[in-house]
Amino acid sequence: MRTYLISYDLAKPHLTKHVVAQAIMSLGASWARPLENTWYVRSDESEDALESWLGRYMESDDGLLIQPVKEEAVMTNTSLRWFRQRRAGIDVADHTNVIAFPLVAPHSSERTDEPELPFAQAS
């Protein structure tokens, strides 16, 4: 598994940034986002395969950088927290900084019959 640096510049970020972010999060086993448009992704895929996948969500005037990197990096005013893809029943070892968010079923003891708060009335 390799670690890739992925960075992008979107011409119309208000239209596509959430779609591109979702696509990046789906690329590999884990991901981190130290800056707004900069990601680290751990994947078994090649750079070409990652570019092919992300290219579906990019416009002709968007910029994309995908580069394999080493684990070491110098960071100022940011840090890395790795996240894994959501999978049911993931056990995370104590010696890792990867956070897994398993799918959680709602508890039957939670009250769902509480009324909503009323809207404020304009005077």
Protein backbone atom coordinates (compact mmCIF):
# COMPACT_ATOMS: atom_id res chain seq x y z
CA MET A 1 0.00 0.00 0.00
CA ARG A 2 1.32 3.43 -0.97
CA THR A 3 0.61 6.87 0.38
CA TYR A 4 -0.34 9.51 -2.18
CA LEU A 5 -0.54 13.27 -1.90
CA ILE A 6 -3.58 14.56 -3.76
CA SER A 7 -4.18 18.25 -4.27
CA TYR A 8 -6.60 20.05 -6.53
CA ASP A 9 -7.69 23.49 -7.66
CA LEU A 10 -11.31 23.68 -8.76
CA ALA A 11 -12.50 26.39 -11.12
CA LYS A 12 -16.04 26.15 -9.68
CA PRO A 13 -15.56 24.88 -6.11
CA HIS A 14 -19.08 25.84 -5.05
CA LEU A 15 -20.42 23.24 -7.51
CA THR A 16 -17.99 20.33 -7.22
CA LYS A 17 -15.88 20.46 -4.04
CA HIS A 18 -18.11 18.10 -2.04
CA VAL A 19 -18.31 15.60 -4.89
CA VAL A 20 -14.53 15.63 -5.33
CA ALA A 21 -14.02 15.23 -1.56
CA GLN A 22 -16.35 12.20 -1.49
CA ALA A 23 -14.52 10.68 -4.45
CA ILE A 24 -11.13 11.14 -2.75
CA MET A 25 -12.41 9.55 0.47
CA SER A 26 -13.49 6.51 -1.54
CA LEU A 27 -10.09 5.96 -3.21
CA GLY A 28 -8.22 3.92 -0.65
CA ALA A 29 -8.14 2.20 2.70
CA SER A 30 -7.61 5.45 4.64
CA TRP A 31 -7.30 9.18 4.09
CA ALA A 32 -6.24 12.40 5.82
CA ARG A 33 -6.96 16.03 4.94
CA PRO A 34 -4.34 18.38 6.42
CA LEU A 35 -5.41 21.40 4.32
CA GLU A 36 -8.54 22.48 2.47
CA ASN A 37 -7.58 21.06 -0.94
CA THR A 38 -4.76 18.73 0.10
CA TRP A 39 -5.26 15.08 0.96
CA TYR A 40 -3.22 12.00 1.78
CA VAL A 41 -4.68 8.69 0.62
CA ARG A 42 -3.37 5.19 1.31
CA SER A 43 -4.22 2.97 -1.63
CA ASP A 44 -3.09 -0.13 -3.52
CA GLU A 45 -3.99 1.58 -6.81
CA SER A 46 -1.53 3.31 -9.17
CA GLU A 47 -1.39 7.05 -9.77
CA ASP A 48 -2.98 6.48 -13.18
CA ALA A 49 -5.89 4.56 -11.66
CA LEU A 50 -6.47 7.30 -9.06
CA GLU A 51 -6.34 9.98 -11.74
CA SER A 52 -8.76 8.03 -13.91
CA TRP A 53 -11.23 7.75 -11.03
CA LEU A 54 -10.98 11.41 -9.96
CA GLY A 55 -11.00 12.62 -13.57
CA ARG A 56 -14.69 11.74 -13.75
CA TYR A 57 -15.42 14.52 -11.25
CA MET A 58 -13.07 17.17 -12.60
CA GLU A 59 -13.90 19.85 -15.14
CA SER A 60 -11.58 20.70 -18.05
CA ASP A 61 -10.30 23.82 -16.25
CA ASP A 62 -9.67 22.13 -12.86
CA GLY A 63 -6.15 21.24 -11.69
CA LEU A 64 -5.19 17.91 -10.11
CA LEU A 65 -1.93 16.69 -8.55
CA ILE A 66 -1.40 13.05 -7.50
CA GLN A 67 2.04 12.10 -6.20
CA PRO A 68 3.34 9.10 -4.25
CA VAL A 69 5.02 10.32 -1.04
CA LYS A 70 6.97 9.04 1.93
CA GLU A 71 5.44 9.09 5.38
CA GLU A 72 7.61 12.00 6.62
CA ALA A 73 6.36 15.54 6.21
CA VAL A 74 6.90 18.96 7.77
CA MET A 75 3.67 20.70 8.73
CA THR A 76 3.00 24.12 10.22
CA ASN A 77 -0.36 24.99 11.80
CA THR A 78 -1.88 21.69 10.72
CA SER A 79 -1.66 18.01 11.57
CA LEU A 80 -2.69 14.61 10.27
CA ARG A 81 -5.49 12.45 11.56
CA TRP A 82 -6.08 9.36 9.46
CA PHE A 83 -9.59 8.08 8.82
CA ARG A 84 -10.63 4.72 7.40
CA GLN A 85 -13.42 3.84 5.04
CA ARG A 86 -16.62 3.06 6.89
CA ARG A 87 -16.98 -0.66 7.35
CA ALA A 88 -19.05 -2.53 9.89
CA GLY A 89 -17.13 -4.25 12.67
CA ILE A 90 -13.72 -2.61 12.30
CA ASP A 91 -11.38 -3.11 15.24
CA VAL A 92 -8.64 -0.52 15.51
CA ALA A 93 -5.39 -1.39 17.29
CA ASP A 94 -4.19 0.82 20.15
CA HIS A 95 -0.87 1.58 18.42
CA THR A 96 -2.34 3.43 15.43
CA ASN A 97 -3.55 6.98 14.87
CA VAL A 98 -6.30 5.78 12.52
CA ILE A 99 -9.83 6.54 13.61
CA ALA A 100 -12.59 4.27 12.32
CA PHE A 101 -16.20 5.30 12.30
CA PRO A 102 -18.28 2.12 12.25
CA LEU A 103 -21.88 2.24 11.19
CA VAL A 104 -23.99 2.48 14.32
CA ALA A 105 -27.55 1.23 14.53
CA PRO A 106 -29.93 3.48 16.50
CA HIS A 107 -30.62 2.37 20.05
CA SER A 108 -34.16 1.24 20.73
CA SER A 109 -34.13 3.14 24.03
CA GLU A 110 -33.68 6.48 22.28
CA ARG A 111 -36.84 8.56 22.28
CA THR A 112 -38.07 9.49 18.84
CA ASP A 113 -41.46 10.83 19.94
CA GLU A 114 -40.19 14.17 21.27
CA PRO A 115 -41.85 17.16 19.61
CA GLU A 116 -39.82 19.61 17.59
CA LEU A 117 -39.16 23.04 19.03
CA PRO A 118 -41.61 25.68 17.79
CA PHE A 119 -40.49 28.29 15.30
CA ALA A 120 -40.06 31.82 16.57
CA GLN A 121 -42.93 34.13 15.67
CA ALA A 122 -42.14 37.49 14.06
CA SER A 123 -43.89 40.42 15.63
